[in-house]
C-alpha atoms as a PDB file:
ATOM      1  CA  MET A   1     -31.847 125.281 -93.707  1.00  0.00           C
ATOM      2  CA  LEU A   2     -31.470 125.976 -90.060  1.00  0.00           C
ATOM      3  CA  PHE A   3     -31.147 122.392 -89.188  1.00  0.00           C
ATOM      4  CA  SER A   4     -28.439 121.863 -91.861  1.00  0.00           C
ATOM      5  CA  CYS A   5     -26.331 124.932 -90.461  1.00  0.00           C
ATOM      6  CA  VAL A   6     -26.770 123.092 -86.947  1.00  0.00           C
ATOM      7  CA  CYS A   7     -25.448 119.869 -88.471  1.00  0.00           C
ATOM      8  CA  VAL A   8     -22.311 121.868 -89.925  1.00  0.00           C
ATOM      9  CA  VAL A   9     -21.477 123.378 -86.719  1.00  0.00           C
ATOM     10  CA  CYS A  10     -21.861 120.037 -85.001  1.00  0.00           C
ATOM     11  CA  ARG A  11     -19.301 118.490 -87.317  1.00  0.00           C
ATOM     12  CA  LEU A  12     -16.847 121.343 -86.626  1.00  0.00           C
ATOM     13  CA  LEU A  13     -17.240 121.248 -82.874  1.00  0.00           C
ATOM     14  CA  ALA A  14     -17.175 117.347 -82.576  1.00  0.00           C
ATOM     15  CA  VAL A  15     -14.703 116.176 -80.153  1.00  0.00           C
ATOM     16  CA  MET A  16     -13.364 112.730 -79.709  1.00  0.00           C
ATOM     17  CA  LEU A  17     -13.290 110.794 -76.337  1.00  0.00           C
ATOM     18  CA  ARG A  18     -10.793 108.442 -75.716  1.00  0.00           C
ATOM     19  CA  ARG A  19      -9.487 106.301 -72.716  1.00  0.00           C
ATOM     20  CA  GLU A  20      -7.805 103.100 -72.259  1.00  0.00           C
ATOM     21  CA  TYR A  21      -9.317 100.784 -69.363  1.00  0.00           C
ATOM     22  CA  ARG A  22      -7.234  98.259 -68.010  1.00  0.00           C
ATOM     23  CA  TYR A  23      -8.953  94.864 -66.763  1.00  0.00           C
ATOM     24  CA  VAL A  24      -6.632  92.370 -64.683  1.00  0.00           C
ATOM     25  CA  LEU A  25      -8.462  89.156 -64.814  1.00  0.00           C
ATOM     26  CA  PRO A  26      -7.646  85.940 -62.640  1.00  0.00           C
ATOM     27  CA  VAL A  27      -7.304  83.662 -65.822  1.00  0.00           C
ATOM     28  CA  SER A  28      -4.571  82.238 -68.097  1.00  0.00           C
ATOM     29  CA  MET A  29      -4.124  83.524 -71.659  1.00  0.00           C
ATOM     30  CA  GLU A  30      -5.466  79.909 -72.917  1.00  0.00           C
ATOM     31  CA  GLU A  31      -8.400  80.070 -70.265  1.00  0.00           C
ATOM     32  CA  TYR A  32      -9.427  83.755 -71.426  1.00  0.00           C
ATOM     33  CA  LYS A  33      -9.616  82.714 -75.129  1.00  0.00           C
ATOM     34  CA  VAL A  34     -11.614  79.776 -74.293  1.00  0.00           C
ATOM     35  CA  ALA A  35     -14.206  81.776 -71.991  1.00  0.00           C
ATOM     36  CA  LYS A  36     -14.448  84.742 -74.320  1.00  0.00           C
ATOM     37  CA  GLN A  37     -15.210  82.546 -77.296  1.00  0.00           C
ATOM     38  CA  TRP A  38     -17.700  80.488 -75.208  1.00  0.00           C
ATOM     39  CA  MET A  39     -19.142  83.641 -73.697  1.00  0.00           C
ATOM     40  CA  LEU A  40     -20.227  85.085 -77.207  1.00  0.00           C
ATOM     41  CA  SER A  41     -22.389  81.853 -77.496  1.00  0.00           C
ATOM     42  CA  TYR A  42     -23.678  82.200 -73.843  1.00  0.00           C
ATOM     43  CA  GLU A  43     -24.492  85.989 -74.562  1.00  0.00           C
ATOM     44  CA  VAL A  44     -26.324  85.750 -77.771  1.00  0.00           C
ATOM     45  CA  TYR A  45     -28.660  82.868 -76.450  1.00  0.00           C
ATOM     46  CA  GLU A  46     -29.236  84.828 -73.174  1.00  0.00           C
ATOM     47  CA  GLY A  47     -30.232  87.683 -75.407  1.00  0.00           C
ATOM     48  CA  LEU A  48     -32.432  85.567 -77.618  1.00  0.00           C
ATOM     49  CA  GLU A  49     -34.329  84.388 -74.284  1.00  0.00           C
ATOM     50  CA  LYS A  50     -34.718  87.757 -72.686  1.00  0.00           C
ATOM     51  CA  ASP A  51     -36.028  89.037 -76.166  1.00  0.00           C
ATOM     52  CA  GLU A  52     -33.345  91.889 -76.202  1.00  0.00           C
ATOM     53  CA  GLY A  53     -33.517  91.899 -79.844  1.00  0.00           C
ATOM     54  CA  ILE A  54     -30.078  90.395 -80.495  1.00  0.00           C
ATOM     55  CA  ARG A  55     -29.405  89.209 -84.158  1.00  0.00           C
ATOM     56  CA  LEU A  56     -26.414  87.432 -85.338  1.00  0.00           C
ATOM     57  CA  LEU A  57     -26.342  88.629 -89.087  1.00  0.00           C
ATOM     58  CA  GLN A  58     -22.969  87.236 -90.011  1.00  0.00           C
ATOM     59  CA  TYR A  59     -20.286  84.955 -88.474  1.00  0.00           C
ATOM     60  CA  ASN A  60     -17.145  83.818 -90.088  1.00  0.00           C
ATOM     61  CA  ASN A  61     -14.518  81.461 -88.160  1.00  0.00           C
ATOM     62  CA  SER A  62     -11.403  80.879 -90.304  1.00  0.00           C
ATOM     63  CA  ASN A  63      -7.640  80.561 -90.251  1.00  0.00           C
ATOM     64  CA  ASN A  64      -5.725  82.928 -92.745  1.00  0.00           C
ATOM     65  CA  ASN A  65      -2.079  82.233 -92.855  1.00  0.00           C
ATOM     66  CA  GLY A  66      -1.665  80.728 -89.601  1.00  0.00           C
ATOM     67  CA  LYS A  67      -3.520  83.218 -87.915  1.00  0.00           C
ATOM     68  CA  HIS A  68      -7.165  82.685 -86.444  1.00  0.00           C
ATOM     69  CA  GLU A  69      -9.683  85.094 -87.528  1.00  0.00           C
ATOM     70  CA  ILE A  70     -13.077  85.364 -86.115  1.00  0.00           C
ATOM     71  CA  TYR A  71     -15.566  88.110 -87.690  1.00  0.00           C
ATOM     72  CA  THR A  72     -19.036  88.810 -86.414  1.00  0.00           C
ATOM     73  CA  LEU A  73     -21.641  91.136 -87.542  1.00  0.00           C
ATOM     74  CA  CYS A  74     -24.647  91.585 -85.435  1.00  0.00           C
ATOM     75  CA  SER A  75     -27.671  94.093 -84.153  1.00  0.00           C
ATOM     76  CA  PHE A  76     -29.639  94.550 -80.979  1.00  0.00           C
ATOM     77  CA  ASP A  77     -32.000  96.545 -79.582  1.00  0.00           C
ATOM     78  CA  PHE A  78     -30.002  98.888 -77.234  1.00  0.00           C
ATOM     79  CA  GLU A  79     -32.546 101.329 -75.481  1.00  0.00           C
ATOM     80  CA  SER A  80     -32.927  99.348 -72.611  1.00  0.00           C
ATOM     81  CA  LYS A  81     -29.129  99.297 -72.195  1.00  0.00           C
ATOM     82  CA  ILE A  82     -28.422 103.146 -72.081  1.00  0.00           C
ATOM     83  CA  PRO A  83     -29.268 105.508 -69.344  1.00  0.00           C
ATOM     84  CA  GLN A  84     -32.375 107.289 -68.841  1.00  0.00           C
ATOM     85  CA  PHE A  85     -31.032 110.615 -69.817  1.00  0.00           C
ATOM     86  CA  ALA A  86     -29.983 109.048 -73.428  1.00  0.00           C
ATOM     87  CA  GLN A  87     -33.407 107.355 -73.715  1.00  0.00           C
ATOM     88  CA  MET A  88     -35.180 110.723 -73.094  1.00  0.00           C
ATOM     89  CA  LEU A  89     -33.140 112.061 -76.076  1.00  0.00           C
ATOM     90  CA  LEU A  90     -33.925 109.227 -78.198  1.00  0.00           C
ATOM     91  CA  LYS A  91     -37.782 110.049 -77.951  1.00  0.00           C
ATOM     92  CA  MET A  92     -37.047 113.702 -78.259  1.00  0.00           C
ATOM     93  CA  PHE A  93     -35.078 113.766 -81.550  1.00  0.00           C
ATOM     94  CA  PHE A  94     -35.433 110.141 -83.103  1.00  0.00           C
ATOM     95  CA  THR A  95     -39.364 109.599 -82.649  1.00  0.00           C
ATOM     96  CA  ASP A  96     -39.606 107.331 -85.980  1.00  0.00           C
ATOM     97  CA  ALA A  97     -36.236 105.760 -85.889  1.00  0.00           C
ATOM     98  CA  GLU A  98     -35.883 102.099 -84.209  1.00  0.00           C
ATOM     99  CA  PRO A  99     -33.489 102.236 -81.058  1.00  0.00           C
ATOM    100  CA  VAL A 100     -31.187  99.309 -83.081  1.00  0.00           C
ATOM    101  CA  MET A 101     -27.084  99.355 -82.976  1.00  0.00           C
ATOM    102  CA  HIS A 102     -25.109  97.446 -85.323  1.00  0.00           C
ATOM    103  CA  GLN A 103     -22.005  95.896 -83.809  1.00  0.00           C
ATOM    104  CA  LYS A 104     -19.062  94.612 -85.911  1.00  0.00           C
ATOM    105  CA  SER A 105     -16.251  92.856 -84.329  1.00  0.00           C
ATOM    106  CA  THR A 106     -12.886  91.091 -85.698  1.00  0.00           C
ATOM    107  CA  VAL A 107     -10.768  89.125 -83.677  1.00  0.00           C
ATOM    108  CA  VAL A 108      -6.921  88.178 -84.763  1.00  0.00           C
ATOM    109  CA  GLY A 109      -4.742  86.206 -82.203  1.00  0.00           C
ATOM    110  CA  GLU A 110      -5.044  88.385 -78.849  1.00  0.00           C
ATOM    111  CA  ARG A 111      -6.509  91.593 -80.449  1.00  0.00           C
ATOM    112  CA  THR A 112     -10.058  92.494 -81.094  1.00  0.00           C
ATOM    113  CA  ASN A 113     -11.550  95.313 -82.734  1.00  0.00           C
ATOM    114  CA  THR A 114     -15.156  96.218 -82.090  1.00  0.00           C
ATOM    115  CA  VAL A 115     -17.171  98.975 -83.722  1.00  0.00           C
ATOM    116  CA  PHE A 116     -20.868  99.987 -82.782  1.00  0.00           C
ATOM    117  CA  TRP A 117     -23.066 102.144 -84.888  1.00  0.00           C
ATOM    118  CA  GLY A 118     -26.668 103.360 -85.304  1.00  0.00           C
ATOM    119  CA  PRO A 119     -27.252 103.036 -89.245  1.00  0.00           C
ATOM    120  CA  ASN A 120     -31.123 104.099 -89.045  1.00  0.00           C
ATOM    121  CA  LEU A 121     -30.855 106.086 -85.820  1.00  0.00           C
ATOM    122  CA  PHE A 122     -28.205 108.202 -85.529  1.00  0.00           C
ATOM    123  CA  LYS A 123     -26.779 107.836 -89.097  1.00  0.00           C
ATOM    124  CA  ASP A 124     -23.125 108.883 -88.968  1.00  0.00           C
ATOM    125  CA  ASN A 125     -23.178 111.074 -85.937  1.00  0.00           C
ATOM    126  CA  LEU A 126     -22.219 108.325 -83.273  1.00  0.00           C
ATOM    127  CA  ARG A 127     -19.343 105.955 -83.651  1.00  0.00           C
ATOM    128  CA  LEU A 128     -18.044 103.882 -80.743  1.00  0.00           C
ATOM    129  CA  GLU A 129     -15.015 101.983 -81.097  1.00  0.00           C
ATOM    130  CA  ILE A 130     -13.125  99.425 -78.566  1.00  0.00           C
ATOM    131  CA  SER A 131      -9.862  97.858 -79.396  1.00  0.00           C
ATOM    132  CA  SER A 132      -8.645  95.032 -77.133  1.00  0.00           C
ATOM    133  CA  VAL A 133      -5.560  93.489 -76.556  1.00  0.00           C
ATOM    134  CA  VAL A 134      -4.954  90.970 -73.963  1.00  0.00           C
ATOM    135  CA  MET A 135      -1.869  90.444 -72.267  1.00  0.00           C
ATOM    136  CA  GLU A 136       0.098  88.141 -69.795  1.00  0.00           C
ATOM    137  CA  ASP A 137       0.849  91.068 -67.264  1.00  0.00           C
ATOM    138  CA  LEU A 138      -0.729  93.032 -64.325  1.00  0.00           C
ATOM    139  CA  GLY A 139      -1.465  96.283 -66.301  1.00  0.00           C
ATOM    140  CA  THR A 140       1.925  97.358 -66.710  1.00  0.00           C
ATOM    141  CA  THR A 141       2.365  97.782 -70.329  1.00  0.00           C
ATOM    142  CA  ASP A 142       2.259 101.432 -71.562  1.00  0.00           C
ATOM    143  CA  ASN A 143       0.333 102.228 -74.657  1.00  0.00           C
ATOM    144  CA  ALA A 144      -0.347  98.536 -75.240  1.00  0.00           C
ATOM    145  CA  HIS A 145      -2.410  99.565 -78.653  1.00  0.00           C
ATOM    146  CA  GLU A 146       0.584 101.601 -80.000  1.00  0.00           C
ATOM    147  CA  VAL A 147      -1.379 104.860 -80.323  1.00  0.00           C
ATOM    148  CA  PRO A 148       0.706 107.516 -81.932  1.00  0.00           C
ATOM    149  CA  PRO A 149       2.527 109.502 -79.323  1.00  0.00           C
ATOM    150  CA  ASP A 150       0.739 112.797 -79.657  1.00  0.00           C
ATOM    151  CA  GLU A 151      -2.629 111.067 -79.144  1.00  0.00           C
ATOM    152  CA  TRP A 152      -1.601 109.009 -76.516  1.00  0.00           C
ATOM    153  CA  ALA A 153      -0.672 112.173 -74.537  1.00  0.00           C
ATOM    154  CA  ASN A 154      -4.332 113.000 -74.454  1.00  0.00           C
ATOM    155  CA  THR A 155      -5.440 109.474 -73.396  1.00  0.00           C
ATOM    156  CA  GLU A 156      -6.614 108.923 -70.210  1.00  0.00           C
ATOM    157  CA  VAL A 157      -5.791 105.645 -68.492  1.00  0.00           C
ATOM    158  CA  VAL A 158      -8.051 103.828 -66.073  1.00  0.00           C
ATOM    159  CA  ASN A 159      -7.213 100.749 -63.743  1.00  0.00           C
ATOM    160  CA  VAL A 160     -10.211  98.782 -63.134  1.00  0.00           C
ATOM    161  CA  ASP A 161     -11.044  96.172 -60.318  1.00  0.00           C
ATOM    162  CA  PHE A 162     -13.605  94.257 -62.097  1.00  0.00           C
ATOM    163  CA  ALA A 163     -14.651  92.561 -59.026  1.00  0.00           C
ATOM    164  CA  ASN A 164     -14.974  95.416 -56.662  1.00  0.00           C
ATOM    165  CA  ASP A 165     -15.623  98.629 -58.668  1.00  0.00           C
ATOM    166  CA  PRO A 166     -19.248  99.814 -58.334  1.00  0.00           C
ATOM    167  CA  LEU A 167     -21.549  98.586 -60.848  1.00  0.00           C
ATOM    168  CA  GLY A 168     -24.811  99.974 -61.399  1.00  0.00           C
ATOM    169  CA  PHE A 169     -27.816  98.767 -59.339  1.00  0.00           C
ATOM    170  CA  LYS A 170     -29.691  97.446 -62.534  1.00  0.00           C
ATOM    171  CA  SER A 171     -26.718  95.630 -63.706  1.00  0.00           C
ATOM    172  CA  TYR A 172     -26.177  93.964 -60.362  1.00  0.00           C
ATOM    173  CA  GLU A 173     -26.963  90.143 -60.423  1.00  0.00           C
ATOM    174  CA  LYS A 174     -26.482  88.111 -57.128  1.00  0.00           C
ATOM    175  CA  ASP A 175     -25.442  85.026 -59.309  1.00  0.00           C
ATOM    176  CA  TYR A 176     -22.627  86.755 -60.810  1.00  0.00           C
ATOM    177  CA  ASP A 177     -21.208  88.477 -57.980  1.00  0.00           C
ATOM    178  CA  VAL A 178     -17.405  87.454 -57.886  1.00  0.00           C
ATOM    179  CA  THR A 179     -16.935  88.500 -54.449  1.00  0.00           C
ATOM    180  CA  MET A 180     -18.947  85.854 -53.067  1.00  0.00           C
ATOM    181  CA  TYR A 181     -18.402  82.950 -56.021  1.00  0.00           C
ATOM    182  CA  ALA A 182     -16.173  80.297 -55.333  1.00  0.00           C
ATOM    183  CA  SER A 183     -15.743  77.265 -57.920  1.00  0.00           C
ATOM    184  CA  GLU A 184     -16.908  73.716 -57.077  1.00  0.00           C
ATOM    185  CA  ASP A 185     -12.950  72.643 -56.819  1.00  0.00           C
ATOM    186  CA  LYS A 186     -12.399  75.902 -54.556  1.00  0.00           C
ATOM    187  CA  THR A 187      -9.471  76.918 -57.090  1.00  0.00           C
ATOM    188  CA  ARG A 188     -11.056  79.937 -57.863  1.00  0.00           C
ATOM    189  CA  GLY A 189     -12.658  82.912 -55.748  1.00  0.00           C
ATOM    190  CA  PRO A 190     -14.122  84.560 -54.064  1.00  0.00           C
ATOM    191  CA  TYR A 191     -12.551  87.680 -55.340  1.00  0.00           C
ATOM    192  CA  LYS A 192     -13.038  90.159 -52.459  1.00  0.00           C
ATOM    193  CA  GLU A 193     -11.347  93.662 -51.756  1.00  0.00           C
ATOM    194  CA  GLY A 194      -7.591  93.558 -52.011  1.00  0.00           C
ATOM    195  CA  TRP A 195      -7.801  90.302 -54.313  1.00  0.00           C
ATOM    196  CA  LEU A 196      -5.632  92.071 -56.817  1.00  0.00           C
ATOM    197  CA  ASP A 197      -2.878  92.849 -54.268  1.00  0.00           C
ATOM    198  CA  GLU A 198      -2.762  89.370 -53.001  1.00  0.00           C
ATOM    199  CA  LEU A 199      -2.550  88.238 -56.730  1.00  0.00           C
ATOM    200  CA  LYS A 200       0.581  90.766 -57.188  1.00  0.00           C
ATOM    201  CA  SER A 201       2.177  89.476 -53.991  1.00  0.00           C
ATOM    202  CA  LYS A 202       2.017  85.837 -55.704  1.00  0.00           C
ATOM    203  CA  VAL A 203       3.438  87.024 -58.898  1.00  0.00           C
ATOM    204  CA  GLU A 204       6.388  88.683 -57.118  1.00  0.00           C
ATOM    205  CA  LYS A 205       6.699  85.372 -55.162  1.00  0.00           C
ATOM    206  CA  TYR A 206       6.715  83.490 -58.007  1.00  0.00           C
ATOM    207  CA  GLU A 207       9.193  85.389 -59.926  1.00  0.00           C
ATOM    208  CA  LYS A 208      11.628  85.297 -56.880  1.00  0.00           C
ATOM    209  CA  GLY A 209      11.131  81.532 -56.963  1.00  0.00           C
ATOM    210  CA  ASP A 210       9.429  81.395 -53.568  1.00  0.00           C
ATOM    211  CA  LEU A 211       6.254  80.044 -55.225  1.00  0.00           C
ATOM    212  CA  LYS A 212       6.293  76.971 -57.158  1.00  0.00           C
ATOM    213  CA  GLU A 213       3.110  77.137 -59.517  1.00  0.00           C
ATOM    214  CA  LYS A 214       2.622  80.198 -61.533  1.00  0.00           C
ATOM    215  CA  PRO A 215      -0.304  82.306 -60.572  1.00  0.00           C
ATOM    216  CA  LYS A 216      -2.834  82.608 -63.468  1.00  0.00           C
ATOM    217  CA  TYR A 217      -3.717  86.011 -64.587  1.00  0.00           C
ATOM    218  CA  VAL A 218      -4.005  88.522 -67.707  1.00  0.00           C
ATOM    219  CA  CYS A 219      -4.578  91.952 -68.340  1.00  0.00           C
ATOM    220  CA  VAL A 220      -7.275  93.245 -71.095  1.00  0.00           C
ATOM    221  CA  TYR A 221      -6.360  96.514 -72.489  1.00  0.00           C
ATOM    222  CA  LYS A 222      -9.428  98.158 -73.784  1.00  0.00           C
ATOM    223  CA  LEU A 223      -9.113 101.428 -75.814  1.00  0.00           C
ATOM    224  CA  VAL A 224     -12.295 103.170 -75.919  1.00  0.00           C
ATOM    225  CA  THR A 225     -13.095 105.966 -78.717  1.00  0.00           C
ATOM    226  CA  CYS A 226     -16.486 107.575 -78.506  1.00  0.00           C
ATOM    227  CA  GLU A 227     -17.466 110.186 -81.391  1.00  0.00           C
ATOM    228  CA  PHE A 228     -20.840 111.875 -80.910  1.00  0.00           C
ATOM    229  CA  LYS A 229     -21.835 114.897 -82.974  1.00  0.00           C
ATOM    230  CA  TRP A 230     -24.925 116.808 -81.632  1.00  0.00           C
ATOM    231  CA  PHE A 231     -24.203 120.350 -80.565  1.00  0.00           C
ATOM    232  CA  GLY A 232     -25.120 121.305 -77.150  1.00  0.00           C
ATOM    233  CA  ILE A 233     -25.007 117.592 -75.752  1.00  0.00           C
ATOM    234  CA  ASP A 234     -22.320 115.950 -77.378  1.00  0.00           C
ATOM    235  CA  ARG A 235     -20.047 115.932 -74.341  1.00  0.00           C
ATOM    236  CA  ILE A 236     -22.417 114.586 -71.812  1.00  0.00           C
ATOM    237  CA  PHE A 237     -23.677 111.907 -74.108  1.00  0.00           C
ATOM    238  CA  ARG A 238     -20.270 110.655 -75.036  1.00  0.00           C
ATOM    239  CA  GLU A 239     -19.587 110.375 -71.267  1.00  0.00           C
ATOM    240  CA  LYS A 240     -22.667 108.348 -70.819  1.00  0.00           C
ATOM    241  CA  VAL A 241     -22.143 106.117 -73.598  1.00  0.00           C
ATOM    242  CA  VAL A 242     -18.424 105.231 -72.620  1.00  0.00           C
ATOM    243  CA  TYR A 243     -19.752 104.649 -68.770  1.00  0.00           C
ATOM    244  CA  THR A 244     -22.545 102.501 -69.871  1.00  0.00           C
ATOM    245  CA  THR A 245     -19.841 100.679 -72.115  1.00  0.00           C
ATOM    246  CA  THR A 246     -17.425 100.196 -69.158  1.00  0.00           C
ATOM    247  CA  GLN A 247     -20.234  99.055 -66.843  1.00  0.00           C
ATOM    248  CA  ILE A 248     -21.245  96.272 -69.841  1.00  0.00           C
ATOM    249  CA  VAL A 249     -18.008  95.206 -69.727  1.00  0.00           C
ATOM    250  CA  MET A 250     -17.438  94.858 -66.147  1.00  0.00           C
ATOM    251  CA  GLU A 251     -20.828  92.921 -65.785  1.00  0.00           C
ATOM    252  CA  PHE A 252     -19.487  90.826 -68.810  1.00  0.00           C
ATOM    253  CA  TYR A 253     -16.257  89.899 -66.942  1.00  0.00           C
ATOM    254  CA  ARG A 254     -18.062  89.050 -63.572  1.00  0.00           C
ATOM    255  CA  LYS A 255     -20.141  86.617 -65.509  1.00  0.00           C
ATOM    256  CA  MET A 256     -17.347  84.862 -67.257  1.00  0.00           C
ATOM    257  CA  ILE A 257     -15.505  84.321 -63.840  1.00  0.00           C
ATOM    258  CA  CYS A 258     -18.617  83.110 -62.044  1.00  0.00           C
ATOM    259  CA  LEU A 259     -19.430  80.453 -64.867  1.00  0.00           C
ATOM    260  CA  PHE A 260     -15.922  79.164 -64.602  1.00  0.00           C
ATOM    261  CA  ASP A 261     -17.310  75.729 -63.743  1.00  0.00           C
ATOM    262  CA  VAL A 262     -19.409  75.647 -67.160  1.00  0.00           C
ATOM    263  CA  TRP A 263     -16.434  76.411 -69.272  1.00  0.00           C
ATOM    264  CA  GLY A 264     -13.375  75.863 -67.306  1.00  0.00           C
ATOM    265  CA  GLN A 265     -12.776  72.360 -68.606  1.00  0.00           C
ATOM    266  CA  LEU A 266     -13.226  72.937 -72.307  1.00  0.00           C
ATOM    267  CA  THR A 267     -10.742  73.724 -74.949  1.00  0.00           C
ATOM    268  CA  ILE A 268     -10.993  76.146 -77.624  1.00  0.00           C
ATOM    269  CA  ASP A 269     -11.755  73.437 -79.999  1.00  0.00           C
ATOM    270  CA  ASP A 270     -14.485  72.126 -77.939  1.00  0.00           C
ATOM    271  CA  VAL A 271     -16.273  75.617 -78.239  1.00  0.00           C
ATOM    272  CA  TYR A 272     -15.423  75.882 -82.072  1.00  0.00           C
ATOM    273  CA  ASP A 273     -16.964  72.486 -82.611  1.00  0.00           C
ATOM    274  CA  GLU A 274     -19.941  73.197 -80.654  1.00  0.00           C
ATOM    275  CA  GLN A 275     -20.501  76.589 -82.347  1.00  0.00           C
ATOM    276  CA  ASN A 276     -20.083  74.731 -85.890  1.00  0.00           C
ATOM    277  CA  LYS A 277     -22.863  72.222 -84.713  1.00  0.00           C
ATOM    278  CA  THR A 278     -25.328  75.300 -84.303  1.00  0.00           C
ATOM    279  CA  GLU A 279     -27.057  76.908 -87.100  1.00  0.00           C
ATOM    280  CA  LEU A 280     -26.789  80.205 -85.586  1.00  0.00           C
ATOM    281  CA  PHE A 281     -23.036  80.252 -85.879  1.00  0.00           C
ATOM    282  CA  ARG A 282     -22.329  78.641 -89.064  1.00  0.00           C
ATOM    283  CA  SER A 283     -20.278  80.598 -91.526  1.00  0.00           C
END
């Protein structure tokens, strides 16, 4: 009875945390599409090799009314990816439940929507949603996700330097340090402090006609919404979940850029063809 009353109170006091993160990346729009799709394969196979419990449950790649759509459903063991604080809570309150999260992603054109939930762990008490849209700008578009004005007014905007903003010690890998990376053809990297200001300067020169070759850049706008209903720890838990999510995203983009020599010469059709040959990605 007491537990039921607490659950009701939790639902009444649940507050949603919403932030928009803006990641400017030194790639063209076409390169970004190729890299993101290629990284899907890379991350799945890397997770399998490291035995991180990643399972691709469903994958569908289709073309509907001229719009390319990709749908993925996977699950993964996430205990090792969350802070010790959250691991401690799991062991205290969910002693018999598996630390498994489900992830559902839908990609249509330049927009991606990803939802995370724990069906056997948190039930309906945790929901993390990440909506992404990529634009060919330098993070200057206001409300790229077209959030209703009253909700947008309460949405915090965070500009991220994917190359130089702090990354947790456990997440840092020297092989994927973009501040030291340089592509084999010497056209990419390293991305040291101030690289973004240099990029903006090149864009201004190009727009004025003082630079012949257009610089390559996109901005990924990620709208992160987290709802966690657990009285007493809900606020700090939401902050931890969102912080961990942003760290994983930053780590993902660093890997993506440092693996340019692998995917840089591929086309999007090359990536799809390779995935279609693999049983893991067959629809």
